[in-house]
Amino acid sequence: MLDKILSSDLFIKYSGKFNSMLSGAEQYIRETDNIKIVSFSLMTLALVLFLSLIVIIYVRNIIYFVKSNNPKEDGEERQDNYIVLSAEDANLELERELQRELEMAQAEKQVRELAVREEEEKQREAELLAAAEKKKERKKEEKENKQEEKIKTQEAEKQEHIKASKEKIGVDLDWQKGKIPPANEVAKTENIQNIPTSYQQSRKELQDLMGLVLDMLGRGVDDLKIAQTINYKMQGMGEENDIIKSIDAVKIFISLCVSGKFSQLKKFSELPGEEQALYNLANGDPSLALALLENLMDSNIDKANGSTSEEKRQQIYQEVSAYACCFGTLAELNDVMLATSSYELAIELSSTNVVAWSRLGDVYRKASSLPKAAWAYQNALSFADGEIDALEVANANKHLSEHLYAQGNSIQAAKLYNSAKQYYDSLGINRRLDRQEIDIISIIEENQTASLSETIAKLLSSENMR
């Protein structure tokens, strides 16, 4: 129906135009000659063909449009089915695309969440590290503070020890009050061997062996062999520490003579001679040696008091403290009270002098002041170095074991005693001499007095004793 309507309208339209053209052509032909007629005919034919082509195309488009809206043939049905299938595929593809986008979105979300978790984990680790570092710093500060407090406590304890020592002992530590008679009075006496001194009191067994010590030193005998010999001559009744420290004191005094310490004193010409001091010492009288040592200590104390450098002053005090230990050891041969004062002076000059504390404990023990002795030995152990001060540690352990045993602490007492015994056994001081060694000692003692002057001269000229 629509096709017929469209065809009739088109025909009417173009028929009107064609009639108009024919009318114009007739009029033109009538007015022109044959050439014009031919030309016009060709133009008319071309126009007709052109219009026919337009009509055909137009009609064809209309028919195609109508057929596309009204499918009736099999081919057209197949085309429609194809279009339907394509739409379903498009929907499926759209669903897949949406699914992919959803998966990508979820993956991006997971990546973001993972990144956030990693960032949080890193932050937690950083916080933990910071906390650990702060904890470490706090521990370090606490350790440093504890160390500082420990040092302060030890220093305070040292001062308390010295203060307690002054209060408990009841002895005035003013060195000037314990001085020996002026050396010039000693030097002016014609017979120097008969000088009366405040040091010469009761004799002890060890002092009778000083000549043998000097003789064996002059012969270059080893210190431990000398100690073993002296212990043998005392029939094992002497203290190991007393024997060893007496030999050391004699060697220190000789080294001071050889190194010129006494000859440098301003009053050296008024003092006893070094040879005479050693001669008297060999005969059990240490008074002249003590006179030389006292003047050396006084000179150094004056030097320290006049120094403007605290470091230099403390250095001199430590040196004098060592001299005071040597003085006390020689004085201990026949005057325990004088030895006690000298050891107290050594501690006053150097509160950490382990040798002075150990030997102070010895003189307290000999004076039956056992609590004071235990106190001094404990101080010696608190300041001692296990390797450097092994002798003093062994001495303190041995006598502290006696104190602990008396208090009923037998286990700790046995432990300390065994420790000291092992040390002395390692030195060999308690080992008995064999028959040949005893014979040699007998020969030395027989010639000791005759060769004493020669031995002393040899010792004072020996560089090995410096």
Protein backbone atom coordinates (compact mmCIF):
# COMPACT_ATOMS: atom_id res chain seq x y z
CA MET A 1 0.00 0.00 0.00
CA LEU A 2 2.72 2.46 0.98
CA ASP A 3 4.62 1.52 -2.19
CA LYS A 4 1.65 2.41 -4.39
CA ILE A 5 1.08 5.72 -2.64
CA LEU A 6 4.67 6.76 -2.97
CA SER A 7 4.77 5.68 -6.68
CA SER A 8 1.62 7.68 -7.63
CA ASP A 9 2.77 10.83 -5.91
CA LEU A 10 6.16 10.62 -7.57
CA PHE A 11 4.64 9.99 -10.96
CA ILE A 12 2.29 12.98 -10.68
CA LYS A 13 5.14 15.20 -9.60
CA TYR A 14 7.45 14.23 -12.43
CA SER A 15 4.66 14.16 -15.05
CA GLY A 16 3.89 17.77 -14.34
CA LYS A 17 7.47 18.72 -14.73
CA PHE A 18 7.80 16.68 -17.92
CA ASN A 19 4.76 18.34 -19.46
CA SER A 20 6.20 21.72 -18.67
CA MET A 21 9.44 20.72 -20.38
CA LEU A 22 7.65 19.45 -23.46
CA SER A 23 5.72 22.67 -23.75
CA GLY A 24 8.90 24.67 -23.57
CA ALA A 25 10.53 22.39 -26.11
CA GLU A 26 7.72 22.81 -28.59
CA GLN A 27 7.87 26.51 -28.32
CA TYR A 28 11.68 26.45 -28.73
CA ILE A 29 11.45 24.21 -31.80
CA ARG A 30 8.98 26.42 -33.41
CA GLU A 31 11.25 29.36 -32.95
CA THR A 32 14.61 27.75 -34.00
CA ASP A 33 16.09 25.94 -36.91
CA ASN A 34 17.07 22.26 -37.30
CA ILE A 35 20.46 22.51 -35.45
CA LYS A 36 18.84 23.97 -32.51
CA ILE A 37 16.29 21.19 -32.71
CA VAL A 38 18.95 18.49 -32.63
CA SER A 39 20.84 20.17 -29.80
CA PHE A 40 17.74 20.53 -27.81
CA SER A 41 16.76 16.92 -28.44
CA LEU A 42 20.09 15.67 -27.08
CA MET A 43 19.86 17.84 -24.04
CA THR A 44 16.33 16.62 -23.47
CA LEU A 45 17.41 13.00 -23.76
CA ALA A 46 20.28 13.54 -21.30
CA LEU A 47 17.95 15.18 -18.87
CA VAL A 48 15.46 12.35 -19.19
CA LEU A 49 18.18 9.77 -18.52
CA PHE A 50 19.45 11.68 -15.51
CA LEU A 51 15.99 11.99 -14.07
CA SER A 52 15.32 8.30 -14.70
CA LEU A 53 18.50 7.38 -12.82
CA ILE A 54 17.40 9.52 -9.89
CA VAL A 55 13.98 7.96 -9.90
CA ILE A 56 15.42 4.43 -9.97
CA ILE A 57 17.75 5.15 -7.08
CA TYR A 58 15.02 6.78 -5.05
CA VAL A 59 12.60 3.96 -5.66
CA ARG A 60 15.25 1.37 -4.77
CA ASN A 61 15.97 3.05 -1.45
CA ILE A 62 12.30 3.17 -0.61
CA ILE A 63 11.90 -0.51 -1.37
CA TYR A 64 14.94 -1.43 0.73
CA PHE A 65 13.63 0.63 3.64
CA VAL A 66 10.23 -1.01 3.46
CA LYS A 67 11.68 -4.51 3.27
CA SER A 68 13.93 -3.91 6.21
CA ASN A 69 10.90 -3.01 8.34
CA ASN A 70 8.75 -5.91 7.07
CA PRO A 71 10.85 -9.15 6.82
CA LYS A 72 9.04 -12.09 5.18
CA GLU A 73 11.65 -14.17 3.49
CA ASP A 74 13.98 -16.83 4.92
CA GLY A 75 17.03 -14.80 4.20
CA GLU A 76 15.61 -11.89 6.06
CA GLU A 77 14.79 -14.15 9.05
CA ARG A 78 18.34 -15.45 9.14
CA GLN A 79 19.59 -11.83 9.09
CA ASP A 80 17.37 -11.01 12.08
CA ASN A 81 18.62 -14.08 13.97
CA TYR A 82 22.18 -12.96 13.32
CA ILE A 83 21.43 -9.54 14.74
CA VAL A 84 19.86 -11.12 17.89
CA LEU A 85 22.84 -13.37 18.43
CA SER A 86 25.20 -10.41 18.10
CA ALA A 87 23.29 -8.55 20.82
CA GLU A 88 23.57 -11.52 23.20
CA ASP A 89 27.28 -11.72 22.50
CA ALA A 90 27.51 -8.01 23.14
CA ASN A 91 25.77 -8.45 26.48
CA LEU A 92 28.06 -11.30 27.37
CA GLU A 93 31.09 -9.23 26.36
CA LEU A 94 29.74 -6.34 28.40
CA GLU A 95 29.31 -8.63 31.40
CA ARG A 96 32.85 -9.92 30.91
CA GLU A 97 34.16 -6.36 30.68
CA LEU A 98 32.30 -5.41 33.81
CA GLN A 99 33.66 -8.53 35.52
CA ARG A 100 37.22 -7.62 34.45
CA GLU A 101 36.77 -4.08 35.69
CA LEU A 102 35.41 -5.42 38.97
CA GLU A 103 38.37 -7.79 39.31
CA MET A 104 40.80 -4.99 38.47
CA ALA A 105 39.11 -2.77 41.04
CA GLN A 106 39.36 -5.54 43.64
CA ALA A 107 43.00 -6.16 42.71
CA GLU A 108 43.77 -2.44 43.03
CA LYS A 109 41.98 -2.41 46.36
CA GLN A 110 44.00 -5.41 47.54
CA VAL A 111 47.22 -3.74 46.36
CA ARG A 112 46.30 -0.57 48.23
CA GLU A 113 45.40 -2.55 51.33
CA LEU A 114 48.67 -4.49 51.07
CA ALA A 115 50.61 -1.25 50.66
CA VAL A 116 48.81 0.19 53.68
CA ARG A 117 49.57 -2.94 55.72
CA GLU A 118 53.22 -2.84 54.63
CA GLU A 119 53.42 0.81 55.57
CA GLU A 120 51.82 0.10 58.94
CA GLU A 121 54.21 -2.84 59.45
CA LYS A 122 57.19 -0.65 58.59
CA GLN A 123 55.92 1.99 60.97
CA ARG A 124 55.48 -0.58 63.74
CA GLU A 125 58.99 -1.92 63.10
CA ALA A 126 60.36 1.62 63.19
CA GLU A 127 58.52 2.24 66.46
CA LEU A 128 59.84 -1.03 67.89
CA LEU A 129 63.39 -0.17 66.82
CA ALA A 130 63.03 3.30 68.30
CA ALA A 131 61.67 1.81 71.52
CA ALA A 132 64.52 -0.74 71.62
CA GLU A 133 67.06 2.02 71.00
CA LYS A 134 65.54 4.13 73.74
CA LYS A 135 65.58 1.14 76.05
CA LYS A 136 69.20 0.48 75.16
CA GLU A 137 70.06 4.12 75.80
CA ARG A 138 68.23 4.00 79.13
CA LYS A 139 70.12 0.84 80.11
CA LYS A 140 73.38 2.46 79.05
CA GLU A 141 72.59 5.57 81.06
CA GLU A 142 71.55 3.45 84.03
CA LYS A 143 74.77 1.45 83.72
CA GLU A 144 76.84 4.64 83.53
CA ASN A 145 74.95 6.10 86.46
CA LYS A 146 75.48 2.90 88.45
CA GLN A 147 79.16 2.94 87.53
CA GLU A 148 79.45 6.56 88.62
CA GLU A 149 77.58 5.79 91.82
CA LYS A 150 79.82 2.76 92.38
CA ILE A 151 82.94 4.89 91.88
CA LYS A 152 81.55 7.54 94.21
CA THR A 153 80.62 4.87 96.73
CA GLN A 154 84.07 3.30 96.55
CA GLU A 155 85.69 6.70 96.96
CA ALA A 156 83.42 7.45 99.90
CA GLU A 157 84.23 4.05 101.38
CA LYS A 158 87.93 4.74 100.98
CA GLN A 159 87.56 8.01 102.82
CA GLU A 160 85.44 6.28 105.46
CA HIS A 161 88.10 3.58 105.79
CA ILE A 162 90.77 6.20 106.36
CA LYS A 163 88.54 8.14 108.72
CA ALA A 164 87.57 4.97 110.58
CA SER A 165 91.20 3.98 110.72
CA LYS A 166 92.03 7.24 112.47
CA GLU A 167 89.09 6.94 114.84
CA LYS A 168 89.39 3.22 115.64
CA ILE A 169 93.15 2.99 115.85
CA GLY A 170 93.50 5.98 118.10
CA VAL A 171 96.99 6.72 116.74
CA ASP A 172 97.97 10.21 115.64
CA LEU A 173 99.11 10.02 112.00
CA ASP A 174 101.19 13.18 112.22
CA TRP A 175 104.47 11.94 110.76
CA GLN A 176 106.53 14.60 112.49
CA LYS A 177 105.60 13.19 115.89
CA GLY A 178 107.10 9.84 115.03
CA LYS A 179 110.44 11.12 113.78
CA ILE A 180 113.69 9.53 114.88
CA PRO A 181 116.35 11.60 116.67
CA PRO A 182 117.99 14.21 114.40
CA ALA A 183 120.49 12.60 112.06
CA ASN A 184 123.19 15.15 112.84
CA GLU A 185 123.26 13.92 116.45
CA VAL A 186 123.74 10.39 115.15
CA ALA A 187 126.50 11.40 112.76
CA LYS A 188 128.49 13.27 115.38
CA THR A 189 128.98 10.19 117.55
CA GLU A 190 132.49 8.74 117.23
CA ASN A 191 131.49 5.10 117.43
CA ILE A 192 128.50 4.91 115.05
CA GLN A 193 127.81 1.28 115.87
CA ASN A 194 127.02 2.17 119.50
CA ILE A 195 124.47 4.92 118.73
CA PRO A 196 121.41 4.66 120.98
CA THR A 197 118.24 4.97 118.91
CA SER A 198 114.52 4.82 119.55
CA TYR A 199 114.16 1.95 117.06
CA GLN A 200 116.28 -0.60 118.90
CA GLN A 201 114.16 -2.62 121.31
CA SER A 202 113.57 -6.32 121.54
CA ARG A 203 115.20 -8.59 118.97
CA LYS A 204 113.30 -11.11 116.88
CA GLU A 205 114.33 -14.24 115.16
CA LEU A 206 114.03 -12.82 111.67
CA GLN A 207 116.32 -9.87 112.38
CA ASP A 208 119.14 -12.26 113.27
CA LEU A 209 119.04 -13.51 109.66
CA MET A 210 119.46 -10.14 107.93
CA GLY A 211 123.20 -10.78 107.51
CA LEU A 212 122.43 -14.02 105.71
CA VAL A 213 119.96 -12.19 103.47
CA LEU A 214 122.60 -9.58 102.51
CA ASP A 215 125.22 -12.27 101.92
CA MET A 216 122.95 -14.28 99.63
CA LEU A 217 121.88 -11.12 97.73
CA GLY A 218 125.55 -10.33 97.23
CA ARG A 219 126.03 -13.80 95.76
CA GLY A 220 123.14 -13.25 93.32
CA VAL A 221 120.87 -15.89 94.86
CA ASP A 222 117.25 -15.89 93.72
CA ASP A 223 114.79 -14.15 96.08
CA LEU A 224 112.58 -17.22 96.50
CA LYS A 225 115.58 -19.39 97.29
CA ILE A 226 116.61 -16.84 99.94
CA ALA A 227 113.06 -16.93 101.36
CA GLN A 228 113.16 -20.73 101.38
CA THR A 229 116.50 -20.63 103.20
CA ILE A 230 115.29 -18.12 105.82
CA ASN A 231 112.15 -20.19 106.39
CA TYR A 232 114.36 -23.24 106.90
CA LYS A 233 116.58 -21.37 109.39
CA MET A 234 113.44 -20.31 111.30
CA GLN A 235 112.32 -23.95 111.39
CA GLY A 236 109.07 -23.02 109.72
CA MET A 237 107.99 -20.79 112.62
CA GLY A 238 108.05 -17.59 110.60
CA GLU A 239 105.26 -16.17 108.46
CA GLU A 240 105.80 -16.53 104.72
CA ASN A 241 104.75 -12.94 104.10
CA ASP A 242 107.06 -11.59 106.82
CA ILE A 243 110.05 -13.35 105.24
CA ILE A 244 109.30 -12.26 101.67
CA LYS A 245 108.48 -8.65 102.55
CA SER A 246 111.67 -8.34 104.66
CA ILE A 247 113.80 -9.50 101.71
CA ASP A 248 111.96 -7.03 99.47
CA ALA A 249 112.53 -4.17 101.96
CA VAL A 250 116.28 -4.88 102.08
CA LYS A 251 116.45 -4.91 98.29
CA ILE A 252 114.49 -1.63 98.06
CA PHE A 253 116.81 0.05 100.55
CA ILE A 254 119.89 -1.12 98.61
CA SER A 255 118.36 0.08 95.33
CA LEU A 256 117.76 3.54 96.86
CA CYS A 257 121.43 3.64 97.87
CA VAL A 258 122.65 2.55 94.43
CA SER A 259 120.38 4.97 92.56
CA GLY A 260 121.68 7.91 94.64
CA LYS A 261 118.38 8.82 96.31
CA PHE A 262 120.05 9.41 99.68
CA SER A 263 123.13 11.19 98.29
CA GLN A 264 120.79 13.78 96.70
CA LEU A 265 119.47 14.88 100.08
CA LYS A 266 120.56 18.29 101.31
CA LYS A 267 121.51 16.88 104.71
CA PHE A 268 123.34 13.85 103.30
CA SER A 269 126.64 14.87 104.87
CA GLU A 270 124.99 14.88 108.30
CA LEU A 271 123.34 11.49 107.82
CA PRO A 272 124.72 8.01 108.54
CA GLY A 273 126.72 6.45 105.72
CA GLU A 274 125.01 3.92 103.50
CA GLU A 275 127.67 1.26 104.12
CA GLN A 276 127.38 1.68 107.88
CA ALA A 277 123.56 1.49 107.66
CA LEU A 278 123.79 -1.84 105.79
CA TYR A 279 126.41 -3.12 108.22
CA ASN A 280 124.15 -2.39 111.17
CA LEU A 281 121.17 -3.89 109.36
CA ALA A 282 123.12 -7.09 108.77
CA ASN A 283 123.66 -7.25 112.54
CA GLY A 284 119.94 -6.84 113.26
CA ASP A 285 119.89 -3.06 113.82
CA PRO A 286 117.84 -1.19 111.18
CA SER A 287 118.03 2.21 112.96
CA LEU A 288 120.54 3.86 110.56
CA ALA A 289 118.66 2.62 107.52
CA LEU A 290 115.47 4.04 109.05
CA ALA A 291 117.19 7.40 109.59
CA LEU A 292 118.08 7.61 105.89
CA LEU A 293 114.58 6.53 104.83
CA GLU A 294 112.91 9.06 107.14
CA ASN A 295 114.93 11.97 105.75
CA LEU A 296 114.13 10.83 102.20
CA MET A 297 110.42 10.75 103.03
CA ASP A 298 110.50 14.16 104.74
CA SER A 299 112.29 15.69 101.77
CA ASN A 300 109.74 14.31 99.33
CA ILE A 301 106.77 15.38 101.47
CA ASP A 302 108.17 18.94 101.59
CA LYS A 303 108.59 18.82 97.82
CA ALA A 304 104.98 17.64 97.37
CA ASN A 305 103.60 20.33 99.68
CA GLY A 306 105.47 22.97 97.70
CA SER A 307 104.20 21.75 94.34
CA THR A 308 101.41 23.69 92.59
CA SER A 309 100.38 20.66 90.51
CA GLU A 310 97.90 18.34 92.20
CA GLU A 311 98.88 15.51 89.86
CA LYS A 312 102.55 15.92 90.71
CA ARG A 313 101.72 16.13 94.40
CA GLN A 314 99.74 12.85 94.33
CA GLN A 315 102.53 11.17 92.39
CA ILE A 316 105.06 12.16 95.06
CA TYR A 317 102.70 11.02 97.83
CA GLN A 318 102.40 7.58 96.21
CA GLU A 319 106.20 7.35 96.02
CA VAL A 320 106.55 8.32 99.68
CA SER A 321 103.81 5.81 100.56
CA ALA A 322 106.01 3.06 99.07
CA TYR A 323 109.00 4.34 101.06
CA ALA A 324 106.85 4.25 104.22
CA CYS A 325 106.07 0.57 103.59
CA CYS A 326 109.80 -0.18 103.31
CA PHE A 327 110.41 1.85 106.50
CA GLY A 328 107.65 -0.06 108.35
CA THR A 329 108.96 -3.46 107.26
CA LEU A 330 112.46 -2.72 108.53
CA ALA A 331 111.08 -1.13 111.72
CA GLU A 332 108.90 -4.21 112.28
CA LEU A 333 112.07 -6.24 112.93
CA ASN A 334 112.24 -4.79 116.45
CA ASP A 335 109.49 -2.14 116.90
CA VAL A 336 105.91 -3.06 116.01
CA MET A 337 104.43 0.26 117.17
CA LEU A 338 106.77 2.28 114.96
CA ALA A 339 105.96 -0.04 112.06
CA THR A 340 102.23 0.51 112.70
CA SER A 341 102.64 4.29 112.48
CA SER A 342 104.61 4.03 109.24
CA TYR A 343 101.96 1.82 107.60
CA GLU A 344 99.25 4.25 108.72
CA LEU A 345 101.27 7.07 107.16
CA ALA A 346 101.52 5.07 103.93
CA ILE A 347 97.72 4.72 103.85
CA GLU A 348 97.23 8.38 104.67
CA LEU A 349 99.39 9.31 101.69
CA SER A 350 97.81 6.71 99.35
CA SER A 351 94.53 5.19 100.57
CA THR A 352 94.65 2.41 97.94
CA ASN A 353 98.12 1.12 98.85
CA VAL A 354 97.43 -2.63 99.04
CA VAL A 355 100.86 -3.43 100.54
CA ALA A 356 100.30 -0.92 103.35
CA TRP A 357 96.84 -2.32 104.19
CA SER A 358 98.14 -5.90 104.19
CA ARG A 359 101.12 -5.11 106.40
CA LEU A 360 98.97 -2.98 108.71
CA GLY A 361 96.81 -6.05 109.19
CA ASP A 362 99.96 -8.01 110.11
CA VAL A 363 101.02 -5.59 112.86
CA TYR A 364 97.45 -5.39 114.24
CA ARG A 365 97.38 -9.19 114.39
CA LYS A 366 100.73 -9.29 116.20
CA ALA A 367 99.34 -6.74 118.66
CA SER A 368 96.31 -9.05 119.17
CA SER A 369 93.94 -6.49 117.67
CA LEU A 370 92.17 -9.12 115.61
CA PRO A 371 89.07 -7.10 114.56
CA LYS A 372 91.32 -4.28 113.30
CA ALA A 373 93.50 -6.82 111.54
CA ALA A 374 90.47 -8.35 109.76
CA TRP A 375 89.33 -4.86 108.76
CA ALA A 376 92.76 -4.05 107.28
CA TYR A 377 92.94 -7.37 105.40
CA GLN A 378 89.47 -6.79 103.93
CA ASN A 379 90.60 -3.37 102.70
CA ALA A 380 93.66 -4.95 101.15
CA LEU A 381 91.46 -7.40 99.24
CA SER A 382 89.05 -4.66 98.13
CA PHE A 383 91.87 -2.64 96.54
CA ALA A 384 94.02 -5.54 95.32
CA ASP A 385 94.67 -6.66 91.77
CA GLY A 386 94.62 -10.45 91.69
CA GLU A 387 97.78 -10.74 89.60
CA ILE A 388 99.85 -7.74 90.66
CA ASP A 389 99.11 -8.08 94.39
CA ALA A 390 99.03 -11.89 94.56
CA LEU A 391 101.34 -12.00 97.59
CA GLU A 392 99.22 -9.54 99.58
CA VAL A 393 96.01 -11.35 98.57
CA ALA A 394 97.42 -14.66 99.79
CA ASN A 395 98.52 -13.07 103.06
CA ALA A 396 95.09 -11.49 103.62
CA ASN A 397 93.28 -14.73 102.77
CA LYS A 398 95.43 -16.75 105.14
CA HIS A 399 94.80 -14.54 108.17
CA LEU A 400 91.17 -13.82 107.34
CA SER A 401 90.65 -17.59 107.36
CA GLU A 402 91.79 -17.61 111.00
CA HIS A 403 89.33 -14.83 111.81
CA LEU A 404 86.44 -16.59 110.04
CA TYR A 405 87.26 -19.91 111.72
CA ALA A 406 87.14 -18.22 115.11
CA GLN A 407 83.68 -16.91 114.21
CA GLY A 408 82.47 -20.39 113.27
CA ASN A 409 82.51 -19.96 109.47
CA SER A 410 84.71 -22.99 108.85
CA ILE A 411 83.72 -23.53 105.20
CA GLN A 412 84.73 -20.05 104.04
CA ALA A 413 87.78 -20.18 106.30
CA ALA A 414 88.95 -23.43 104.70
CA LYS A 415 88.41 -21.97 101.23
CA LEU A 416 90.57 -18.91 101.96
CA TYR A 417 93.25 -20.96 103.71
CA ASN A 418 93.56 -23.43 100.82
CA SER A 419 93.80 -20.54 98.36
CA ALA A 420 96.67 -18.99 100.33
CA LYS A 421 98.41 -22.35 100.82
CA GLN A 422 98.31 -23.11 97.09
CA TYR A 423 99.97 -19.77 96.36
CA TYR A 424 102.76 -20.23 98.90
CA ASP A 425 103.32 -23.82 97.74
CA SER A 426 103.67 -22.54 94.17
CA LEU A 427 106.49 -20.27 95.38
CA GLY A 428 108.23 -23.20 97.04
CA ILE A 429 108.96 -21.22 100.19
CA ASN A 430 107.84 -24.08 102.44
CA ARG A 431 109.87 -26.73 100.64
CA ARG A 432 112.66 -28.24 102.72
CA LEU A 433 116.26 -27.80 101.63
CA ASP A 434 118.17 -30.89 100.53
CA ARG A 435 121.40 -31.99 102.20
CA GLN A 436 123.69 -30.29 99.70
CA GLU A 437 121.84 -26.96 100.04
CA ILE A 438 122.08 -27.17 103.83
CA ASP A 439 125.82 -27.69 103.62
CA ILE A 440 126.20 -24.68 101.33
CA ILE A 441 124.21 -22.50 103.75
CA SER A 442 126.43 -23.63 106.61
CA ILE A 443 129.57 -22.60 104.69
CA ILE A 444 128.05 -19.19 103.88
CA GLU A 445 127.17 -18.58 107.54
CA GLU A 446 130.69 -19.52 108.67
CA ASN A 447 132.25 -16.89 106.38
CA GLN A 448 129.44 -14.35 106.71
CA THR A 449 131.03 -12.05 109.29
CA ALA A 450 134.47 -12.01 107.68
CA SER A 451 133.17 -11.17 104.24
CA LEU A 452 130.37 -8.77 105.28
CA SER A 453 132.22 -5.54 104.41
CA GLU A 454 133.17 -6.93 101.01
CA THR A 455 129.58 -8.08 100.41
CA ILE A 456 128.18 -4.63 101.26
CA ALA A 457 130.66 -2.89 98.96
CA LYS A 458 129.72 -5.31 96.20
CA LEU A 459 126.00 -4.65 96.69
CA LEU A 460 126.41 -0.85 96.65
CA SER A 461 128.39 -0.99 93.40
CA SER A 462 126.05 -3.44 91.65
CA GLU A 463 123.96 -2.04 88.83
CA ASN A 464 121.65 -5.04 89.17
CA MET A 465 120.48 -3.65 92.53
CA ARG A 466 119.46 -0.29 91.06
